[in-house]
Amino acid sequence: MPDQIVHSIQSTNLADILERVLDKGIVIAGDISISIADVELLNIKIRLLIASVDKAMQMGINWWETDPYLSTKAQELEAQNKKLMERIENLESKIQT
């Protein structure tokens, strides 16, 4: 029985921690650099933000709304953009001739 109580308390604590992290947000940042003889060969910058959607939008982060793989609205905008680019190219070619 005590194992079940401990497990229940741990789950509650984990849920509280997750709720706080999503509400406030957390940023994890790090850089990885590989060099030989003071010559930088590889530099990787890692940035990770964990937050709720509401918190991210408060911070001005909404990339998922314009990602064509995640949003049908973004797919429509991408198709419109492609058509407009084709029209511009056609108009430019007519002007040049």
PDB file of N, CA and C in Angstrom:
ATOM      1  N   MET A   1       0.810  -1.207   0.000  1.00  0.00           N
ATOM      2  CA  MET A   1       0.000   0.000   0.000  1.00  0.00           C
ATOM      3  C   MET A   1       0.855   1.273   0.000  1.00  0.00           C
ATOM      4  N   PRO A   2       1.928   1.365   0.785  1.00  0.00           N
ATOM      5  CA  PRO A   2       2.706   2.599   0.785  1.00  0.00           C
ATOM      6  C   PRO A   2       3.259   2.950  -0.597  1.00  0.00           C
ATOM      7  N   ASP A   3       3.583   1.939  -1.410  1.00  0.00           N
ATOM      8  CA  ASP A   3       4.096   2.225  -2.744  1.00  0.00           C
ATOM      9  C   ASP A   3       3.061   2.979  -3.579  1.00  0.00           C
ATOM     10  N   GLN A   4       1.794   2.603  -3.438  1.00  0.00           N
ATOM     11  CA  GLN A   4       0.746   3.268  -4.189  1.00  0.00           C
ATOM     12  C   GLN A   4       0.604   4.719  -3.751  1.00  0.00           C
ATOM     13  N   ILE A   5       0.726   5.006  -2.489  1.00  0.00           N
ATOM     14  CA  ILE A   5       0.606   6.370  -1.979  1.00  0.00           C
ATOM     15  C   ILE A   5       1.771   7.215  -2.489  1.00  0.00           C
ATOM     16  N   VAL A   6       2.976   6.686  -2.429  1.00  0.00           N
ATOM     17  CA  VAL A   6       4.149   7.419  -2.912  1.00  0.00           C
ATOM     18  C   VAL A   6       4.003   7.703  -4.394  1.00  0.00           C
ATOM     19  N   HIS A   7       3.568   6.700  -5.146  1.00  0.00           N
ATOM     20  CA  HIS A   7       3.389   6.867  -6.583  1.00  0.00           C
ATOM     21  C   HIS A   7       2.363   7.954  -6.871  1.00  0.00           C
ATOM     22  N   SER A   8       1.264   7.966  -6.123  1.00  0.00           N
ATOM     23  CA  SER A   8       0.218   8.960  -6.311  1.00  0.00           C
ATOM     24  C   SER A   8       0.743  10.364  -6.025  1.00  0.00           C
ATOM     25  N   ILE A   9       1.514  10.495  -4.956  1.00  0.00           N
ATOM     26  CA  ILE A   9       2.083  11.798  -4.604  1.00  0.00           C
ATOM     27  C   ILE A   9       3.070  12.247  -5.676  1.00  0.00           C
ATOM     28  N   GLN A  10       3.902  11.322  -6.174  1.00  0.00           N
ATOM     29  CA  GLN A  10       4.850  11.675  -7.219  1.00  0.00           C
ATOM     30  C   GLN A  10       4.131  12.133  -8.482  1.00  0.00           C
ATOM     31  N   SER A  11       3.054  11.478  -8.846  1.00  0.00           N
ATOM     32  CA  SER A  11       2.291  11.861 -10.028  1.00  0.00           C
ATOM     33  C   SER A  11       1.705  13.252  -9.852  1.00  0.00           C
ATOM     34  N   THR A  12       1.191  13.542  -8.684  1.00  0.00           N
ATOM     35  CA  THR A  12       0.633  14.862  -8.422  1.00  0.00           C
ATOM     36  C   THR A  12       1.725  15.914  -8.517  1.00  0.00           C
ATOM     37  N   ASN A  13       2.881  15.645  -7.951  1.00  0.00           N
ATOM     38  CA  ASN A  13       3.973  16.599  -8.026  1.00  0.00           C
ATOM     39  C   ASN A  13       4.429  16.809  -9.464  1.00  0.00           C
ATOM     40  N   LEU A  14       4.523  15.740 -10.237  1.00  0.00           N
ATOM     41  CA  LEU A  14       4.909  15.853 -11.633  1.00  0.00           C
ATOM     42  C   LEU A  14       3.881  16.663 -12.414  1.00  0.00           C
ATOM     43  N   ALA A  15       2.605  16.433 -12.146  1.00  0.00           N
ATOM     44  CA  ALA A  15       1.546  17.190 -12.819  1.00  0.00           C
ATOM     45  C   ALA A  15       1.630  18.667 -12.455  1.00  0.00           C
ATOM     46  N   ASP A  16       1.884  18.971 -11.176  1.00  0.00           N
ATOM     47  CA  ASP A  16       2.022  20.365 -10.749  1.00  0.00           C
ATOM     48  C   ASP A  16       3.213  21.030 -11.428  1.00  0.00           C
ATOM     49  N   ILE A  17       4.314  20.308 -11.474  1.00  0.00           N
ATOM     50  CA  ILE A  17       5.519  20.860 -12.110  1.00  0.00           C
ATOM     51  C   ILE A  17       5.262  21.119 -13.591  1.00  0.00           C
ATOM     52  N   LEU A  18       4.637  20.163 -14.275  1.00  0.00           N
ATOM     53  CA  LEU A  18       4.339  20.329 -15.693  1.00  0.00           C
ATOM     54  C   LEU A  18       3.403  21.507 -15.921  1.00  0.00           C
ATOM     55  N   GLU A  19       2.401  21.659 -15.072  1.00  0.00           N
ATOM     56  CA  GLU A  19       1.474  22.785 -15.195  1.00  0.00           C
ATOM     57  C   GLU A  19       2.208  24.113 -15.022  1.00  0.00           C
ATOM     58  N   ARG A  20       3.089  24.190 -14.055  1.00  0.00           N
ATOM     59  CA  ARG A  20       3.851  25.422 -13.826  1.00  0.00           C
ATOM     60  C   ARG A  20       4.776  25.728 -14.995  1.00  0.00           C
ATOM     61  N   VAL A  21       5.447  24.706 -15.511  1.00  0.00           N
ATOM     62  CA  VAL A  21       6.362  24.910 -16.638  1.00  0.00           C
ATOM     63  C   VAL A  21       5.597  25.412 -17.856  1.00  0.00           C
ATOM     64  N   LEU A  22       4.452  24.782 -18.150  1.00  0.00           N
ATOM     65  CA  LEU A  22       3.670  25.203 -19.305  1.00  0.00           C
ATOM     66  C   LEU A  22       3.088  26.595 -19.117  1.00  0.00           C
ATOM     67  N   ASP A  23       2.735  26.937 -17.876  1.00  0.00           N
ATOM     68  CA  ASP A  23       2.166  28.257 -17.606  1.00  0.00           C
ATOM     69  C   ASP A  23       3.217  29.354 -17.708  1.00  0.00           C
ATOM     70  N   LYS A  24       4.383  29.117 -17.153  1.00  0.00           N
ATOM     71  CA  LYS A  24       5.439  30.130 -17.137  1.00  0.00           C
ATOM     72  C   LYS A  24       6.356  30.031 -18.346  1.00  0.00           C
ATOM     73  N   GLY A  25       6.587  28.803 -18.815  1.00  0.00           N
ATOM     74  CA  GLY A  25       7.525  28.585 -19.914  1.00  0.00           C
ATOM     75  C   GLY A  25       8.920  28.345 -19.366  1.00  0.00           C
ATOM     76  N   ILE A  26       9.712  27.646 -20.141  1.00  0.00           N
ATOM     77  CA  ILE A  26      11.098  27.387 -19.755  1.00  0.00           C
ATOM     78  C   ILE A  26      11.939  27.410 -21.030  1.00  0.00           C
ATOM     79  N   VAL A  27      13.110  27.985 -20.934  1.00  0.00           N
ATOM     80  CA  VAL A  27      14.015  28.064 -22.074  1.00  0.00           C
ATOM     81  C   VAL A  27      15.282  27.302 -21.733  1.00  0.00           C
ATOM     82  N   ILE A  28      15.680  26.431 -22.643  1.00  0.00           N
ATOM     83  CA  ILE A  28      16.931  25.699 -22.501  1.00  0.00           C
ATOM     84  C   ILE A  28      17.790  26.084 -23.695  1.00  0.00           C
ATOM     85  N   ALA A  29      18.986  26.570 -23.429  1.00  0.00           N
ATOM     86  CA  ALA A  29      19.865  27.014 -24.511  1.00  0.00           C
ATOM     87  C   ALA A  29      21.246  26.407 -24.323  1.00  0.00           C
ATOM     88  N   GLY A  30      21.878  26.092 -25.432  1.00  0.00           N
ATOM     89  CA  GLY A  30      23.220  25.545 -25.348  1.00  0.00           C
ATOM     90  C   GLY A  30      23.915  25.627 -26.691  1.00  0.00           C
ATOM     91  N   ASP A  31      25.209  25.646 -26.657  1.00  0.00           N
ATOM     92  CA  ASP A  31      26.024  25.684 -27.871  1.00  0.00           C
ATOM     93  C   ASP A  31      26.992  24.523 -27.854  1.00  0.00           C
ATOM     94  N   ILE A  32      27.177  23.910 -29.007  1.00  0.00           N
ATOM     95  CA  ILE A  32      28.159  22.846 -29.169  1.00  0.00           C
ATOM     96  C   ILE A  32      29.150  23.319 -30.217  1.00  0.00           C
ATOM     97  N   SER A  33      30.397  23.308 -29.872  1.00  0.00           N
ATOM     98  CA  SER A  33      31.422  23.764 -30.802  1.00  0.00           C
ATOM     99  C   SER A  33      32.538  22.729 -30.869  1.00  0.00           C
ATOM    100  N   ILE A  34      32.922  22.356 -32.093  1.00  0.00           N
ATOM    101  CA  ILE A  34      34.010  21.407 -32.305  1.00  0.00           C
ATOM    102  C   ILE A  34      35.131  22.134 -33.032  1.00  0.00           C
ATOM    103  N   SER A  35      36.310  22.144 -32.419  1.00  0.00           N
ATOM    104  CA  SER A  35      37.463  22.842 -32.992  1.00  0.00           C
ATOM    105  C   SER A  35      38.691  21.955 -32.935  1.00  0.00           C
ATOM    106  N   ILE A  36      39.542  22.140 -33.919  1.00  0.00           N
ATOM    107  CA  ILE A  36      40.853  21.490 -33.930  1.00  0.00           C
ATOM    108  C   ILE A  36      41.886  22.564 -34.194  1.00  0.00           C
ATOM    109  N   ALA A  37      42.847  22.670 -33.294  1.00  0.00           N
ATOM    110  CA  ALA A  37      43.930  23.663 -33.416  1.00  0.00           C
ATOM    111  C   ALA A  37      43.365  25.061 -33.631  1.00  0.00           C
ATOM    112  N   ASP A  38      42.415  25.437 -32.803  1.00  0.00           N
ATOM    113  CA  ASP A  38      41.773  26.755 -32.852  1.00  0.00           C
ATOM    114  C   ASP A  38      41.059  27.049 -34.165  1.00  0.00           C
ATOM    115  N   VAL A  39      40.733  26.021 -34.929  1.00  0.00           N
ATOM    116  CA  VAL A  39      39.947  26.179 -36.151  1.00  0.00           C
ATOM    117  C   VAL A  39      38.577  25.555 -35.892  1.00  0.00           C
ATOM    118  N   GLU A  40      37.567  26.396 -35.933  1.00  0.00           N
ATOM    119  CA  GLU A  40      36.226  25.906 -35.652  1.00  0.00           C
ATOM    120  C   GLU A  40      35.705  25.102 -36.840  1.00  0.00           C
ATOM    121  N   LEU A  41      35.384  23.847 -36.588  1.00  0.00           N
ATOM    122  CA  LEU A  41      34.891  22.969 -37.636  1.00  0.00           C
ATOM    123  C   LEU A  41      33.370  22.894 -37.659  1.00  0.00           C
ATOM    124  N   LEU A  42      32.763  22.942 -36.481  1.00  0.00           N
ATOM    125  CA  LEU A  42      31.322  22.792 -36.383  1.00  0.00           C
ATOM    126  C   LEU A  42      30.819  23.596 -35.203  1.00  0.00           C
ATOM    127  N   ASN A  43      29.732  24.324 -35.431  1.00  0.00           N
ATOM    128  CA  ASN A  43      29.110  25.087 -34.353  1.00  0.00           C
ATOM    129  C   ASN A  43      27.610  24.867 -34.432  1.00  0.00           C
ATOM    130  N   ILE A  44      27.033  24.332 -33.381  1.00  0.00           N
ATOM    131  CA  ILE A  44      25.595  24.054 -33.337  1.00  0.00           C
ATOM    132  C   ILE A  44      25.003  24.840 -32.177  1.00  0.00           C
ATOM    133  N   LYS A  45      23.980  25.627 -32.465  1.00  0.00           N
ATOM    134  CA  LYS A  45      23.266  26.365 -31.426  1.00  0.00           C
ATOM    135  C   LYS A  45      21.931  25.678 -31.203  1.00  0.00           C
ATOM    136  N   ILE A  46      21.663  25.323 -29.972  1.00  0.00           N
ATOM    137  CA  ILE A  46      20.431  24.624 -29.624  1.00  0.00           C
ATOM    138  C   ILE A  46      19.602  25.536 -28.727  1.00  0.00           C
ATOM    139  N   ARG A  47      18.372  25.780 -29.129  1.00  0.00           N
ATOM    140  CA  ARG A  47      17.445  26.581 -28.336  1.00  0.00           C
ATOM    141  C   ARG A  47      16.141  25.795 -28.231  1.00  0.00           C
ATOM    142  N   LEU A  48      15.634  25.639 -27.031  1.00  0.00           N
ATOM    143  CA  LEU A  48      14.405  24.890 -26.804  1.00  0.00           C
ATOM    144  C   LEU A  48      13.517  25.701 -25.875  1.00  0.00           C
ATOM    145  N   LEU A  49      12.283  25.911 -26.291  1.00  0.00           N
ATOM    146  CA  LEU A  49      11.305  26.613 -25.477  1.00  0.00           C
ATOM    147  C   LEU A  49      10.151  25.656 -25.214  1.00  0.00           C
ATOM    148  N   ILE A  50       9.821  25.476 -23.960  1.00  0.00           N
ATOM    149  CA  ILE A  50       8.685  24.641 -23.582  1.00  0.00           C
ATOM    150  C   ILE A  50       7.669  25.550 -22.911  1.00  0.00           C
ATOM    151  N   ALA A  51       6.483  25.641 -23.517  1.00  0.00           N
ATOM    152  CA  ALA A  51       5.423  26.495 -22.970  1.00  0.00           C
ATOM    153  C   ALA A  51       4.092  26.044 -23.549  1.00  0.00           C
ATOM    154  N   SER A  52       3.025  26.495 -22.942  1.00  0.00           N
ATOM    155  CA  SER A  52       1.699  26.206 -23.492  1.00  0.00           C
ATOM    156  C   SER A  52       1.491  27.062 -24.737  1.00  0.00           C
ATOM    157  N   VAL A  53       0.509  26.708 -25.536  1.00  0.00           N
ATOM    158  CA  VAL A  53       0.208  27.473 -26.745  1.00  0.00           C
ATOM    159  C   VAL A  53      -0.180  28.898 -26.379  1.00  0.00           C
ATOM    160  N   ASP A  54      -0.980  29.057 -25.332  1.00  0.00           N
ATOM    161  CA  ASP A  54      -1.393  30.398 -24.907  1.00  0.00           C
ATOM    162  C   ASP A  54      -0.190  31.250 -24.518  1.00  0.00           C
ATOM    163  N   LYS A  55       0.720  30.673 -23.749  1.00  0.00           N
ATOM    164  CA  LYS A  55       1.908  31.411 -23.311  1.00  0.00           C
ATOM    165  C   LYS A  55       2.788  31.757 -24.508  1.00  0.00           C
ATOM    166  N   ALA A  56       2.954  30.820 -25.436  1.00  0.00           N
ATOM    167  CA  ALA A  56       3.763  31.078 -26.623  1.00  0.00           C
ATOM    168  C   ALA A  56       3.169  32.228 -27.432  1.00  0.00           C
ATOM    169  N   MET A  57       1.851  32.246 -27.576  1.00  0.00           N
ATOM    170  CA  MET A  57       1.211  33.323 -28.338  1.00  0.00           C
ATOM    171  C   MET A  57       1.351  34.659 -27.617  1.00  0.00           C
ATOM    172  N   GLN A  58       1.344  34.656 -26.294  1.00  0.00           N
ATOM    173  CA  GLN A  58       1.579  35.887 -25.535  1.00  0.00           C
ATOM    174  C   GLN A  58       2.985  36.428 -25.807  1.00  0.00           C
ATOM    175  N   MET A  59       3.928  35.510 -26.027  1.00  0.00           N
ATOM    176  CA  MET A  59       5.305  35.905 -26.301  1.00  0.00           C
ATOM    177  C   MET A  59       5.518  36.253 -27.782  1.00  0.00           C
ATOM    178  N   GLY A  60       4.471  36.108 -28.594  1.00  0.00           N
ATOM    179  CA  GLY A  60       4.584  36.427 -30.013  1.00  0.00           C
ATOM    180  C   GLY A  60       5.100  35.278 -30.864  1.00  0.00           C
ATOM    181  N   ILE A  61       5.038  34.085 -30.346  1.00  0.00           N
ATOM    182  CA  ILE A  61       5.500  32.908 -31.084  1.00  0.00           C
ATOM    183  C   ILE A  61       4.275  32.182 -31.622  1.00  0.00           C
ATOM    184  N   ASN A  62       4.163  32.103 -32.947  1.00  0.00           N
ATOM    185  CA  ASN A  62       3.018  31.418 -33.551  1.00  0.00           C
ATOM    186  C   ASN A  62       3.409  30.785 -34.886  1.00  0.00           C
ATOM    187  N   TRP A  63       4.589  30.241 -34.982  1.00  0.00           N
ATOM    188  CA  TRP A  63       5.085  29.679 -36.239  1.00  0.00           C
ATOM    189  C   TRP A  63       4.216  28.552 -36.758  1.00  0.00           C
ATOM    190  N   TRP A  64       3.505  27.843 -35.896  1.00  0.00           N
ATOM    191  CA  TRP A  64       2.675  26.713 -36.336  1.00  0.00           C
ATOM    192  C   TRP A  64       1.490  27.181 -37.172  1.00  0.00           C
ATOM    193  N   GLU A  65       1.120  28.474 -37.058  1.00  0.00           N
ATOM    194  CA  GLU A  65       0.013  28.992 -37.851  1.00  0.00           C
ATOM    195  C   GLU A  65       0.410  29.211 -39.307  1.00  0.00           C
ATOM    196  N   THR A  66       1.697  29.383 -39.564  1.00  0.00           N
ATOM    197  CA  THR A  66       2.170  29.633 -40.931  1.00  0.00           C
ATOM    198  C   THR A  66       2.958  28.466 -41.505  1.00  0.00           C
ATOM    199  N   ASP A  67       3.064  27.389 -40.783  1.00  0.00           N
ATOM    200  CA  ASP A  67       3.770  26.204 -41.273  1.00  0.00           C
ATOM    201  C   ASP A  67       2.825  25.401 -42.160  1.00  0.00           C
ATOM    202  N   PRO A  68       3.159  25.232 -43.450  1.00  0.00           N
ATOM    203  CA  PRO A  68       2.233  24.547 -44.354  1.00  0.00           C
ATOM    204  C   PRO A  68       1.980  23.090 -43.996  1.00  0.00           C
ATOM    205  N   TYR A  69       2.839  22.495 -43.224  1.00  0.00           N
ATOM    206  CA  TYR A  69       2.636  21.105 -42.822  1.00  0.00           C
ATOM    207  C   TYR A  69       1.690  20.980 -41.631  1.00  0.00           C
ATOM    208  N   LEU A  70       1.450  22.085 -40.932  1.00  0.00           N
ATOM    209  CA  LEU A  70       0.614  22.041 -39.739  1.00  0.00           C
ATOM    210  C   LEU A  70      -0.704  22.789 -39.879  1.00  0.00           C
ATOM    211  N   SER A  71      -0.823  23.660 -40.885  1.00  0.00           N
ATOM    212  CA  SER A  71      -1.985  24.516 -40.984  1.00  0.00           C
ATOM    213  C   SER A  71      -2.538  24.527 -42.409  1.00  0.00           C
ATOM    214  N   THR A  72      -3.837  24.304 -42.552  1.00  0.00           N
ATOM    215  CA  THR A  72      -4.445  24.373 -43.879  1.00  0.00           C
ATOM    216  C   THR A  72      -4.462  25.806 -44.393  1.00  0.00           C
ATOM    217  N   LYS A  73      -4.580  26.764 -43.480  1.00  0.00           N
ATOM    218  CA  LYS A  73      -4.541  28.174 -43.880  1.00  0.00           C
ATOM    219  C   LYS A  73      -3.180  28.507 -44.487  1.00  0.00           C
ATOM    220  N   ALA A  74      -2.133  27.993 -43.895  1.00  0.00           N
ATOM    221  CA  ALA A  74      -0.785  28.232 -44.426  1.00  0.00           C
ATOM    222  C   ALA A  74      -0.624  27.574 -45.785  1.00  0.00           C
ATOM    223  N   GLN A  75      -1.231  26.411 -45.986  1.00  0.00           N
ATOM    224  CA  GLN A  75      -1.162  25.745 -47.286  1.00  0.00           C
ATOM    225  C   GLN A  75      -1.856  26.595 -48.342  1.00  0.00           C
ATOM    226  N   GLU A  76      -2.989  27.179 -47.997  1.00  0.00           N
ATOM    227  CA  GLU A  76      -3.695  28.053 -48.930  1.00  0.00           C
ATOM    228  C   GLU A  76      -2.863  29.290 -49.253  1.00  0.00           C
ATOM    229  N   LEU A  77      -2.241  29.874 -48.248  1.00  0.00           N
ATOM    230  CA  LEU A  77      -1.391  31.048 -48.476  1.00  0.00           C
ATOM    231  C   LEU A  77      -0.193  30.700 -49.346  1.00  0.00           C
ATOM    232  N   GLU A  78       0.380  29.529 -49.140  1.00  0.00           N
ATOM    233  CA  GLU A  78       1.512  29.101 -49.954  1.00  0.00           C
ATOM    234  C   GLU A  78       1.091  28.927 -51.413  1.00  0.00           C
ATOM    235  N   ALA A  79      -0.087  28.358 -51.643  1.00  0.00           N
ATOM    236  CA  ALA A  79      -0.592  28.184 -53.010  1.00  0.00           C
ATOM    237  C   ALA A  79      -0.854  29.541 -53.655  1.00  0.00           C
ATOM    238  N   GLN A  80      -1.439  30.477 -52.908  1.00  0.00           N
ATOM    239  CA  GLN A  80      -1.675  31.818 -53.432  1.00  0.00           C
ATOM    240  C   GLN A  80      -0.364  32.512 -53.759  1.00  0.00           C
ATOM    241  N   ASN A  81       0.618  32.343 -52.890  1.00  0.00           N
ATOM    242  CA  ASN A  81       1.920  32.954 -53.107  1.00  0.00           C
ATOM    243  C   ASN A  81       2.566  32.407 -54.387  1.00  0.00           C
ATOM    244  N   LYS A  82       2.443  31.108 -54.594  1.00  0.00           N
ATOM    245  CA  LYS A  82       3.013  30.489 -55.792  1.00  0.00           C
ATOM    246  C   LYS A  82       2.358  31.044 -57.049  1.00  0.00           C
ATOM    247  N   LYS A  83       1.012  31.167 -57.031  1.00  0.00           N
ATOM    248  CA  LYS A  83       0.299  31.723 -58.179  1.00  0.00           C
ATOM    249  C   LYS A  83       0.716  33.164 -58.448  1.00  0.00           C
ATOM    250  N   LEU A  84       0.847  33.952 -57.390  1.00  0.00           N
ATOM    251  CA  LEU A  84       1.259  35.345 -57.547  1.00  0.00           C
ATOM    252  C   LEU A  84       2.678  35.442 -58.125  1.00  0.00           C
ATOM    253  N   MET A  85       3.567  34.575 -57.655  1.00  0.00           N
ATOM    254  CA  MET A  85       4.934  34.585 -58.185  1.00  0.00           C
ATOM    255  C   MET A  85       4.943  34.234 -59.672  1.00  0.00           C
ATOM    256  N   GLU A  86       4.104  33.280 -60.080  1.00  0.00           N
ATOM    257  CA  GLU A  86       4.003  32.916 -61.493  1.00  0.00           C
ATOM    258  C   GLU A  86       3.474  34.086 -62.316  1.00  0.00           C
ATOM    259  N   ARG A  87       2.468  34.789 -61.796  1.00  0.00           N
ATOM    260  CA  ARG A  87       1.926  35.951 -62.499  1.00  0.00           C
ATOM    261  C   ARG A  87       2.972  37.043 -62.642  1.00  0.00           C
ATOM    262  N   ILE A  88       3.752  37.264 -61.598  1.00  0.00           N
ATOM    263  CA  ILE A  88       4.806  38.280 -61.647  1.00  0.00           C
ATOM    264  C   ILE A  88       5.845  37.907 -62.703  1.00  0.00           C
ATOM    265  N   GLU A  89       6.232  36.645 -62.732  1.00  0.00           N
ATOM    266  CA  GLU A  89       7.206  36.197 -63.727  1.00  0.00           C
ATOM    267  C   GLU A  89       6.665  36.384 -65.146  1.00  0.00           C
ATOM    268  N   ASN A  90       5.378  36.058 -65.358  1.00  0.00           N
ATOM    269  CA  ASN A  90       4.768  36.248 -66.672  1.00  0.00           C
ATOM    270  C   ASN A  90       4.743  37.718 -67.070  1.00  0.00           C
ATOM    271  N   LEU A  91       4.373  38.586 -66.129  1.00  0.00           N
ATOM    272  CA  LEU A  91       4.350  40.016 -66.411  1.00  0.00           C
ATOM    273  C   LEU A  91       5.743  40.556 -66.713  1.00  0.00           C
ATOM    274  N   GLU A  92       6.728  40.102 -65.959  1.00  0.00           N
ATOM    275  CA  GLU A  92       8.105  40.550 -66.193  1.00  0.00           C
ATOM    276  C   GLU A  92       8.612  40.093 -67.555  1.00  0.00           C
ATOM    277  N   SER A  93       8.266  38.876 -67.955  1.00  0.00           N
ATOM    278  CA  SER A  93       8.710  38.392 -69.267  1.00  0.00           C
ATOM    279  C   SER A  93       8.025  39.163 -70.393  1.00  0.00           C
ATOM    280  N   LYS A  94       6.763  39.559 -70.198  1.00  0.00           N
ATOM    281  CA  LYS A  94       6.058  40.363 -71.204  1.00  0.00           C
ATOM    282  C   LYS A  94       6.661  41.762 -71.315  1.00  0.00           C
ATOM    283  N   ILE A  95       7.054  42.316 -70.189  1.00  0.00           N
ATOM    284  CA  ILE A  95       7.659  43.655 -70.201  1.00  0.00           C
ATOM    285  C   ILE A  95       9.001  43.630 -70.921  1.00  0.00           C
ATOM    286  N   GLN A  96       9.775  42.585 -70.721  1.00  0.00           N
ATOM    287  CA  GLN A  96      11.095  42.483 -71.333  1.00  0.00           C
ATOM    288  C   GLN A  96      11.021  42.294 -72.852  1.00  0.00           C
ATOM    289  N   THR A  97       9.934  41.729 -73.358  1.00  0.00           N
ATOM    290  CA  THR A  97       9.830  41.502 -74.813  1.00  0.00           C
ATOM    291  C   THR A  97       9.195  42.622 -75.540  1.00  0.00           C
TER     292      THR A  97
END
